[in-house]
Protein backbone atom coordinates (compact mmCIF):
# COMPACT_ATOMS: atom_id res chain seq x y z
CA UNK A 1 -25.67 26.27 48.75
CA UNK A 2 -26.10 23.24 46.51
CA UNK A 3 -22.85 21.35 45.67
CA UNK A 4 -23.67 21.42 41.99
CA UNK A 5 -23.26 25.20 42.01
CA UNK A 6 -19.77 25.32 43.56
CA UNK A 7 -18.25 26.30 40.26
CA UNK A 8 -20.37 29.47 40.29
CA UNK A 9 -18.72 30.78 43.46
CA UNK A 10 -16.28 33.54 42.62
CA UNK A 11 -13.43 34.74 44.80
CA UNK A 12 -15.35 37.79 46.15
CA UNK A 13 -18.28 35.54 46.97
CA UNK A 14 -16.02 33.18 48.89
CA UNK A 15 -14.59 36.13 50.82
CA UNK A 16 -18.10 37.35 51.75
CA UNK A 17 -19.07 33.85 52.78
CA UNK A 18 -16.27 33.66 55.30
CA UNK A 19 -16.21 37.38 56.34
CA UNK A 20 -18.70 37.01 59.26
CA UNK A 21 -16.70 34.13 60.61
CA UNK A 22 -13.48 36.11 60.34
CA UNK A 23 -15.12 39.08 62.14
CA UNK A 24 -16.30 36.84 64.95
CA UNK A 25 -12.84 35.44 65.29
CA UNK A 26 -11.41 38.99 65.53
CA UNK A 27 -13.89 39.97 68.24
CA UNK A 28 -13.14 36.85 70.20
CA UNK A 29 -9.40 37.38 69.96
CA UNK A 30 -9.73 40.83 71.66
CA UNK A 31 -10.72 39.24 74.93
CA UNK A 32 -7.29 37.60 75.16
CA UNK A 33 -8.81 34.56 76.84
CA UNK A 34 -9.62 32.76 73.66
CA UNK A 35 -6.49 33.55 71.65
CA UNK A 36 -5.66 29.89 70.86
CA UNK A 37 -9.22 29.16 69.78
CA UNK A 38 -9.24 32.25 67.58
CA UNK A 39 -6.04 31.21 65.84
CA UNK A 40 -7.41 27.74 65.23
CA UNK A 41 -10.60 29.18 63.79
CA UNK A 42 -8.66 31.51 61.50
CA UNK A 43 -6.49 28.63 60.26
CA UNK A 44 -9.57 26.47 59.68
CA UNK A 45 -11.22 29.30 57.79
CA UNK A 46 -8.13 29.74 55.59
CA UNK A 47 -8.01 26.00 54.86
CA UNK A 48 -11.66 25.95 53.88
CA UNK A 49 -11.11 29.06 51.76
CA UNK A 50 -8.10 27.49 50.02
CA UNK A 51 -10.04 24.28 49.39
CA UNK A 52 -12.91 26.26 47.91
CA UNK A 53 -10.58 28.18 45.63
CA UNK A 54 -8.86 24.93 44.52
CA UNK A 55 -12.25 23.38 43.79
CA UNK A 56 -13.25 26.44 41.83
CA UNK A 57 -10.02 26.32 39.79
CA UNK A 58 -10.49 22.58 39.05
CA UNK A 59 -14.07 23.15 37.87
CA UNK A 60 -12.92 26.03 35.71
CA UNK A 61 -10.07 23.96 34.25
CA UNK A 62 -12.51 21.22 33.32
CA UNK A 63 -14.82 23.73 31.72
CA UNK A 64 -11.94 25.10 29.62
CA UNK A 65 -10.89 21.59 28.54
CA UNK A 66 -14.47 20.67 27.62
CA UNK A 67 -14.88 23.92 25.70
CA UNK A 68 -11.62 23.24 23.84
CA UNK A 69 -12.70 19.67 23.03
CA UNK A 70 -16.07 20.89 21.81
CA UNK A 71 -14.37 23.50 19.62
CA UNK A 72 -11.95 20.86 18.29
CA UNK A 73 -14.83 18.50 17.45
CA UNK A 74 -16.64 21.28 15.63
CA UNK A 75 -13.49 22.13 13.64
CA UNK A 76 -12.83 18.47 12.79
CA UNK A 77 -16.41 17.91 11.69
CA UNK A 78 -16.33 21.09 9.59
CA UNK A 79 -13.14 19.85 7.91
CA UNK A 80 -14.67 16.40 7.22
CA UNK A 81 -17.89 17.95 5.92
CA UNK A 82 -16.07 20.21 3.43
CA UNK A 83 -13.78 17.51 1.98
CA UNK A 84 -14.19 16.70 -1.70
CA UNK A 85 -13.51 13.01 -1.07
CA UNK A 86 -15.97 10.82 0.79
CA UNK A 87 -15.09 10.13 4.44
CA UNK A 88 -16.66 7.28 6.40
CA UNK A 89 -15.69 6.52 10.01
CA UNK A 90 -16.57 3.19 11.62
CA UNK A 91 -15.88 1.54 14.98
CA UNK A 92 -14.14 -1.81 15.43
CA UNK A 93 -17.47 -3.61 14.93
CA UNK A 94 -18.06 -2.03 11.54
CA UNK A 95 -20.75 0.38 12.74
CA UNK A 96 -20.80 3.68 10.84
CA UNK A 97 -20.07 6.67 13.10
CA UNK A 98 -19.60 9.45 10.56
CA UNK A 99 -20.72 9.93 6.96
CA UNK A 100 -19.80 13.21 5.31
CA UNK A 101 -21.73 15.05 2.54
CA UNK A 102 -19.35 13.77 -0.16
CA UNK A 103 -20.19 10.22 0.93
CA UNK A 104 -23.90 11.08 0.77
CA UNK A 105 -23.48 12.26 -2.84
CA UNK A 106 -21.39 9.20 -3.73
CA UNK A 107 -23.68 6.51 -2.30
CA UNK A 108 -27.11 8.18 -2.46
CA UNK A 109 -27.82 7.87 1.27
CA UNK A 110 -28.47 10.63 3.81
CA UNK A 111 -26.14 10.45 6.81
CA UNK A 112 -28.85 9.64 9.36
CA UNK A 113 -29.89 6.65 7.22
CA UNK A 114 -26.51 4.95 7.56
CA UNK A 115 -25.06 6.14 10.90
CA UNK A 116 -25.49 3.29 13.34
CA UNK A 117 -25.69 0.72 10.52
CA UNK A 118 -22.95 -1.73 9.49
CA UNK A 119 -20.55 -0.65 6.73
CA UNK A 120 -21.43 -3.88 4.89
CA UNK A 121 -24.48 -2.15 3.43
CA UNK A 122 -22.13 -0.23 1.11
CA UNK A 123 -20.30 -3.35 -0.11
CA UNK A 124 -21.14 -5.91 -2.78
CA UNK A 125 -20.31 -9.60 -2.41
CA UNK A 126 -17.93 -11.18 -1.51
CA UNK A 127 -16.78 -8.28 0.70
CA UNK A 128 -20.28 -7.85 2.17
CA UNK A 129 -20.16 -11.28 3.84
CA UNK A 130 -16.45 -11.26 4.64
CA UNK A 131 -16.06 -7.78 6.15
CA UNK A 132 -16.94 -8.66 9.76
CA UNK A 133 -14.43 -11.48 9.53
CA UNK A 134 -11.75 -9.00 8.42
CA UNK A 135 -12.40 -6.81 11.46
CA UNK A 136 -12.53 -9.77 13.83
CA UNK A 137 -9.25 -11.11 12.44
CA UNK A 138 -7.63 -7.69 12.86
CA UNK A 139 -8.85 -7.40 16.49
CA UNK A 140 -7.50 -10.83 17.35
CA UNK A 141 -4.20 -10.80 15.46
CA UNK A 142 -3.39 -7.17 14.68
CA UNK A 143 -2.75 -8.13 11.04
CA UNK A 144 -3.21 -5.09 8.78
CA UNK A 145 -4.83 -6.15 5.49
CA UNK A 146 -5.80 -2.76 4.06
CA UNK A 147 -4.61 -0.30 6.70
CA UNK A 148 -2.04 2.25 5.62
CA UNK A 149 -2.23 1.58 1.88
CA UNK A 150 -4.44 2.46 -1.06
CA UNK A 151 -6.52 -0.20 -2.77
CA UNK A 152 -9.07 -0.30 -5.56
CA UNK A 153 -12.35 -2.08 -4.73
CA UNK A 154 -16.00 -2.04 -5.75
CA UNK A 155 -18.69 -0.24 -3.75
CA UNK A 156 -22.47 -0.37 -3.92
CA UNK A 157 -24.83 2.60 -4.15
CA UNK A 158 -28.28 2.83 -2.62
CA UNK A 159 -29.87 1.81 -5.94
CA UNK A 160 -27.75 -1.35 -6.00
CA UNK A 161 -25.41 -0.22 -8.79
CA UNK A 162 -21.71 -1.01 -8.41
CA UNK A 163 -18.84 1.39 -9.06
CA UNK A 164 -15.05 1.34 -8.53
CA UNK A 165 -13.45 3.33 -5.72
CA UNK A 166 -9.97 4.02 -4.46
CA UNK A 167 -9.90 3.35 -0.72
CA UNK A 168 -7.40 4.39 1.94
CA UNK A 169 -8.04 3.26 5.53
CA UNK A 170 -6.35 4.48 8.70
CA UNK A 171 -7.00 3.59 12.33
CA UNK A 172 -7.14 5.92 15.34
CA UNK A 173 -8.20 6.09 18.97
CA UNK A 174 -10.66 8.69 20.21
CA UNK A 175 -11.59 8.83 23.90
CA UNK A 176 -10.26 5.29 24.26
CA UNK A 177 -12.39 3.96 21.38
CA UNK A 178 -10.80 2.29 18.34
CA UNK A 179 -12.04 3.83 15.10
CA UNK A 180 -11.28 3.35 11.41
CA UNK A 181 -11.41 6.22 8.94
CA UNK A 182 -11.90 5.49 5.24
CA UNK A 183 -11.11 8.02 2.51
CA UNK A 184 -12.98 7.06 -0.68
CA UNK A 185 -12.69 8.37 -4.22
CA UNK A 186 -14.88 7.40 -7.18
CA UNK A 187 -12.54 6.29 -9.98
CA UNK A 188 -15.17 5.47 -12.61
CA UNK A 189 -13.90 8.17 -14.99
CA UNK A 190 -10.30 7.18 -14.39
CA UNK A 191 -11.14 3.60 -15.32
CA UNK A 192 -12.80 4.79 -18.54
CA UNK A 193 -9.74 6.82 -19.50
CA UNK A 194 -7.43 3.89 -18.67
CA UNK A 195 -9.55 1.57 -20.80
CA UNK A 196 -9.46 3.96 -23.77
CA UNK A 197 -5.72 4.35 -23.35
CA UNK A 198 -5.20 0.58 -23.21
CA UNK A 199 -7.35 0.07 -26.30
CA UNK A 200 -5.37 2.73 -28.16
CA UNK A 201 -2.04 1.17 -27.13
CA UNK A 202 -3.27 -2.29 -28.14
CA UNK A 203 -4.35 -1.05 -31.57
CA UNK A 204 -1.07 0.75 -32.21
CA UNK A 205 0.94 -2.22 -30.95
CA UNK A 206 -0.85 -4.67 -33.24
CA UNK A 207 -0.33 -2.35 -36.19
CA UNK A 208 3.38 -1.91 -35.40
CA UNK A 209 4.23 -5.54 -34.75
CA UNK A 210 3.87 -6.84 -38.31
CA UNK A 211 6.11 -4.27 -40.05
CA UNK A 212 8.63 -4.36 -37.19
CA UNK A 213 8.91 -8.13 -37.48
CA UNK A 214 9.59 -7.80 -41.19
CA UNK A 215 12.19 -5.07 -40.59
CA UNK A 216 13.97 -7.12 -37.94
CA UNK A 217 13.98 -10.19 -40.19
CA UNK A 218 15.40 -8.28 -43.13
CA UNK A 219 18.09 -6.65 -41.04
CA UNK A 220 18.99 -10.02 -39.58
CA UNK A 221 19.45 -11.51 -43.05
CA UNK A 222 21.63 -8.60 -44.16
CA UNK A 223 23.67 -8.83 -40.98
CA UNK A 224 24.12 -12.57 -41.55
CA UNK A 225 25.60 -12.01 -45.02
CA UNK A 226 22.58 -12.78 -47.22
CA UNK A 227 23.34 -9.66 -49.30
CA UNK A 228 27.07 -10.29 -49.36
CA UNK A 229 29.85 -9.03 -47.18
CA UNK A 230 29.29 -5.51 -45.91
CA UNK A 231 31.83 -2.74 -45.42
CA UNK A 232 32.77 -2.20 -41.77
CA UNK A 233 30.83 1.06 -41.45
CA UNK A 234 27.74 -0.40 -43.11
CA UNK A 235 27.89 -3.49 -40.91
CA UNK A 236 27.99 -1.29 -37.80
CA UNK A 237 24.93 0.68 -38.97
CA UNK A 238 23.03 -2.56 -39.78
CA UNK A 239 23.89 -3.90 -36.33
CA UNK A 240 22.61 -0.71 -34.69
CA UNK A 241 19.36 -0.83 -36.69
CA UNK A 242 18.87 -4.52 -35.85
CA UNK A 243 19.43 -3.93 -32.12
CA UNK A 244 16.94 -1.08 -32.06
CA UNK A 245 14.34 -3.09 -33.97
CA UNK A 246 14.74 -5.78 -31.28
CA UNK A 247 14.12 -3.18 -28.58
CA UNK A 248 11.04 -1.85 -30.37
CA UNK A 249 9.62 -5.36 -30.74
CA UNK A 250 10.25 -6.03 -27.05
CA UNK A 251 8.36 -2.83 -26.18
CA UNK A 252 5.46 -3.80 -28.47
CA UNK A 253 5.30 -7.30 -26.94
CA UNK A 254 5.27 -5.85 -23.43
CA UNK A 255 2.52 -3.40 -24.36
CA UNK A 256 0.45 -6.23 -25.82
CA UNK A 257 0.98 -8.30 -22.67
CA UNK A 258 -0.17 -5.39 -20.52
CA UNK A 259 -3.28 -4.93 -22.63
CA UNK A 260 -4.11 -8.65 -22.48
CA UNK A 261 -3.58 -8.79 -18.72
CA UNK A 262 -5.71 -5.71 -18.17
CA UNK A 263 -8.57 -7.07 -20.28
CA UNK A 264 -8.26 -10.61 -18.90
CA UNK A 265 -7.48 -12.02 -22.35
CA UNK A 266 -3.97 -13.32 -21.67
CA UNK A 267 -3.97 -17.10 -22.05
CA UNK A 268 -2.54 -19.35 -19.37
CA UNK A 269 -1.92 -23.08 -19.78
CA UNK A 270 -1.39 -24.56 -16.35
CA UNK A 271 0.23 -27.93 -15.86
CA UNK A 272 2.21 -29.84 -13.22
CA UNK A 273 5.90 -29.26 -13.87
CA UNK A 274 9.25 -29.26 -12.13
CA UNK A 275 10.81 -25.95 -11.18
CA UNK A 276 14.57 -26.43 -11.57
CA UNK A 277 14.57 -27.11 -15.36
CA UNK A 278 12.68 -23.81 -15.85
CA UNK A 279 15.26 -21.90 -13.79
CA UNK A 280 18.07 -23.51 -15.79
CA UNK A 281 16.28 -22.61 -19.03
CA UNK A 282 15.94 -18.98 -17.88
CA UNK A 283 19.66 -18.87 -17.06
CA UNK A 284 20.50 -20.25 -20.53
CA UNK A 285 18.25 -17.71 -22.28
CA UNK A 286 20.02 -14.86 -20.46
CA UNK A 287 23.53 -16.23 -20.95
CA UNK A 288 24.34 -13.78 -23.77
CA UNK A 289 23.14 -10.81 -21.70
CA UNK A 290 25.11 -12.03 -18.67
CA UNK A 291 28.23 -12.36 -20.84
CA UNK A 292 27.71 -8.85 -22.22
CA UNK A 293 27.71 -7.43 -18.68
CA UNK A 294 30.49 -9.78 -17.47
CA UNK A 295 28.14 -11.34 -14.92
CA UNK A 296 27.73 -14.97 -13.93
CA UNK A 297 24.33 -16.46 -12.90
CA UNK A 298 24.77 -19.19 -10.31
CA UNK A 299 22.34 -21.42 -8.40
CA UNK A 300 23.75 -21.42 -4.86
CA UNK A 301 21.12 -23.72 -3.32
CA UNK A 302 18.04 -25.72 -4.26
CA UNK A 303 15.87 -28.27 -2.44
CA UNK A 304 15.89 -30.88 -5.18
CA UNK A 305 12.69 -32.05 -6.83
CA UNK A 306 10.13 -29.22 -6.58
CA UNK A 307 6.80 -29.47 -8.43
CA UNK A 308 4.46 -26.62 -9.26
CA UNK A 309 1.10 -26.09 -10.93
CA UNK A 310 2.10 -23.37 -13.38
CA UNK A 311 2.24 -22.11 -16.96
CA UNK A 312 5.72 -22.99 -18.25
CA UNK A 313 5.97 -20.12 -20.74
CA UNK A 314 4.68 -17.44 -18.33
CA UNK A 315 6.83 -18.61 -15.42
CA UNK A 316 9.85 -18.62 -17.72
CA UNK A 317 8.92 -15.06 -18.72
CA UNK A 318 8.93 -13.94 -15.07
CA UNK A 319 12.21 -15.66 -14.20
CA UNK A 320 13.83 -14.34 -17.38
CA UNK A 321 12.76 -10.80 -16.54
CA UNK A 322 14.14 -10.99 -12.99
CA UNK A 323 17.43 -12.49 -14.20
CA UNK A 324 17.86 -9.95 -17.00
CA UNK A 325 17.26 -7.08 -14.56
CA UNK A 326 19.78 -8.56 -12.13
CA UNK A 327 22.39 -8.83 -14.91
CA UNK A 328 21.78 -5.26 -16.11
CA UNK A 329 22.21 -3.74 -12.67
CA UNK A 330 25.13 -5.86 -11.48
CA UNK A 331 28.71 -4.57 -11.50
CA UNK A 332 31.09 -6.28 -13.89
CA UNK A 333 32.74 -9.51 -12.74
CA UNK A 334 30.07 -10.09 -10.10
CA UNK A 335 27.66 -12.96 -9.55
CA UNK A 336 23.86 -13.10 -9.67
CA UNK A 337 22.91 -15.61 -6.99
CA UNK A 338 19.80 -17.79 -7.29
CA UNK A 339 18.64 -19.35 -4.03
CA UNK A 340 15.75 -21.84 -4.14
CA UNK A 341 14.28 -23.22 -0.92
CA UNK A 342 11.08 -24.30 0.76
CA UNK A 343 9.57 -21.51 2.84
CA UNK A 344 6.45 -21.87 5.03
CA UNK A 345 4.80 -24.49 2.86
CA UNK A 346 5.75 -22.79 -0.41
CA UNK A 347 8.79 -22.64 -2.62
CA UNK A 348 10.75 -19.38 -2.61
CA UNK A 349 13.17 -18.23 -5.30
CA UNK A 350 15.57 -15.43 -4.34
CA UNK A 351 17.51 -13.68 -7.12
CA UNK A 352 20.21 -11.43 -5.70
CA UNK A 353 22.35 -8.88 -7.48
CA UNK A 354 25.21 -6.82 -6.05
CA UNK A 355 24.27 -3.57 -7.75
CA UNK A 356 23.51 -0.10 -6.36
CA UNK A 357 20.09 -1.05 -5.00
CA UNK A 358 16.73 0.59 -5.59
CA UNK A 359 16.22 4.27 -4.77
CA UNK A 360 13.94 4.87 -1.79
CA UNK A 361 11.49 7.01 -3.78
CA UNK A 362 10.99 4.27 -6.40
CA UNK A 363 10.28 1.40 -4.03
CA UNK A 364 6.53 1.99 -3.46
CA UNK A 365 5.79 2.00 -7.21
CA UNK A 366 8.42 -0.36 -8.59
CA UNK A 367 5.81 -2.86 -9.81
CA UNK A 368 3.72 -0.26 -11.64
CA UNK A 369 3.83 0.64 -15.34
CA UNK A 370 6.85 2.36 -16.90
CA UNK A 371 8.90 2.52 -13.68
CA UNK A 372 12.60 1.85 -14.08
CA UNK A 373 15.01 1.24 -11.24
CA UNK A 374 17.79 3.34 -12.68
CA UNK A 375 17.09 5.54 -15.68
CA UNK A 376 20.67 5.88 -16.87
CA UNK A 377 21.50 2.21 -16.62
CA UNK A 378 18.22 1.08 -18.10
CA UNK A 379 18.55 3.39 -21.09
CA UNK A 380 21.93 1.84 -21.91
CA UNK A 381 20.81 -1.77 -21.62
CA UNK A 382 17.29 -1.44 -22.99
CA UNK A 383 14.21 -1.64 -20.86
CA UNK A 384 10.53 -0.81 -21.19
CA UNK A 385 9.66 -0.31 -17.52
CA UNK A 386 6.85 -2.84 -17.93
CA UNK A 387 8.59 -6.10 -17.07
CA UNK A 388 8.05 -6.03 -13.31
CA UNK A 389 4.42 -4.93 -13.68
CA UNK A 390 3.77 -7.83 -16.08
CA UNK A 391 5.65 -10.25 -13.82
CA UNK A 392 3.57 -9.25 -10.82
CA UNK A 393 0.32 -9.86 -12.71
CA UNK A 394 1.52 -13.27 -13.94
CA UNK A 395 2.66 -14.35 -10.47
CA UNK A 396 -0.63 -13.30 -8.92
CA UNK A 397 -2.49 -15.36 -11.54
CA UNK A 398 -0.44 -18.30 -10.22
CA UNK A 399 -1.59 -17.54 -6.66
CA UNK A 400 1.94 -16.50 -5.76
CA UNK A 401 3.76 -13.45 -4.47
CA UNK A 402 6.60 -11.36 -5.90
CA UNK A 403 8.55 -8.63 -4.16
CA UNK A 404 11.99 -7.40 -3.19
CA UNK A 405 14.13 -6.60 -0.18
CA UNK A 406 17.40 -4.68 0.09
CA UNK A 407 20.29 -7.12 0.40
CA UNK A 408 22.71 -6.97 3.31
CA UNK A 409 25.78 -5.04 2.27
CA UNK A 410 24.76 -4.05 -1.26
CA UNK A 411 22.35 -4.99 -3.98
CA UNK A 412 18.75 -6.19 -4.07
CA UNK A 413 16.98 -9.52 -3.60
CA UNK A 414 13.92 -10.08 -5.76
CA UNK A 415 11.87 -12.99 -4.48
CA UNK A 416 9.19 -15.15 -5.98
CA UNK A 417 6.97 -17.45 -3.88
CA UNK A 418 4.74 -20.12 -5.39
CA UNK A 419 2.65 -22.93 -3.98
CA UNK A 420 4.38 -26.31 -4.21
CA UNK A 421 2.39 -29.30 -5.44
CA UNK A 422 2.61 -32.14 -2.91
CA UNK A 423 3.78 -35.59 -3.94
CA UNK A 424 0.33 -37.15 -3.60
CA UNK A 425 -1.21 -34.93 -6.29
CA UNK A 426 1.60 -34.93 -8.87
CA UNK A 427 0.08 -37.71 -10.92
CA UNK A 428 -3.56 -36.57 -10.61
C-alpha cells in the first residue's frame, strides 16, 4: 500500500491487515516449541498496530485542523466582502493581498487588477513616493506613524480623481507573515457638510461681532460712570450684562478663528523673537484671572535666551489659553508652574496645574472642537471649548507640537514644543 494513502486505513482495515499474522502466531504457539518467538511476534504486531493507529489519528487531526482553517478563512473573507467600508490588506512590502467589493466601488478597480500590485497606485503625491519609505522605516525601527489611530488623507481613484478618506490601519500576523489591514471610509460628503457648517458659522459670527462690540462698549461706559453713579442693584445688573457680552465676544472670536484656520485664511506674521518676554506677557495678561481664582503663575525654570521663528500674536494666544485653563482648573491658593527648558534640540514649555486632572474618556478628543475638560467648572469660569483646538492648529503651523500628560500626584501638564533658532541664524 502506498504511503500517501495511510490516512485512508481505518481501524477494521488495520485489524484485517494484521489478522493473518496473528493467526500464524497462534498456530505456532500451539507447538509449545516456539512460545518465545510467538510472544515476540505478537508484541511486534501490536507495536506496528499501535503505530498505524497513531499515524492515522495524526493524519485525521491534521485534516480537521486544515478543514477548520479553511472554514475560518471562508468566514473571514465573507465578513470582509460584506463590509460597508472598504478593506485593503497589504504585506510589509506594500503589496495588496486583499481588496473587498467596497474598495472596488470606492476606487473603480476590480480586485484582480490590484491584488499583487503596490498600494502606492491608490495614493497621490507626496504619499505615493514616500509610502515605501514609511514601511521600511517601520520595519527597521518599529515606529508606528499611522497604526492604531484614525487619520484623514487623500486617495486616488482609477480615473485619477482625488477624494478624502478616513483611514484606520492595524497590523497582524497570519501564518507567520506580517500584514497590515486598512479600513477606509469616503468622507467627501462629510467634508461638504463641514464646509457648509463652517461657512454658516462664519457668516453668523461676522454679523454678531459688530453689534456685540457696540453693546460691550456701551455697557463698559455705563459701568465706568459715564451715565452717572448707578444704584447698587443696577450696577450689579450692568456688571452681569458686561461680563456676558465679553463671553459672547470671546465665543465669536474663537468661531472666527476656527473658520479662518479651516479655510487657510488665518494670517501669520513670522519673525525671529525671544521666548521669555512672550511668556511674561501671557502671565501679565492672565493676572486678573489668576487673582480671581486665587492662583499664582510662577516660572520655576528657564534656559535663558531662547529664540524662535514665530508669530508673536499667535504664540501669545496659545500661551494665554494654556495659562487661563490652568488657572480655571487649579484649586485656590495653589501655583501654576511654568517650566521652560531645551529638549532634544527644541524648546519645551510645560504648564502644570494641580487640579483634578482630565477625565479618561475626554483625553482622546481634548484637542477637538467644543470639548471641555470639566463641564461644571468651565461653565462657571467661561469657556468655549475651542481654545485647545485653535491652539493645536496654531502650534502645528509653527512646526511644533502640543499635548498633555497627567502630572505625578495630581493635576495636568500641558506642554508646547517649538523649534529653537540657533545663534548663527538669529541675525539673518
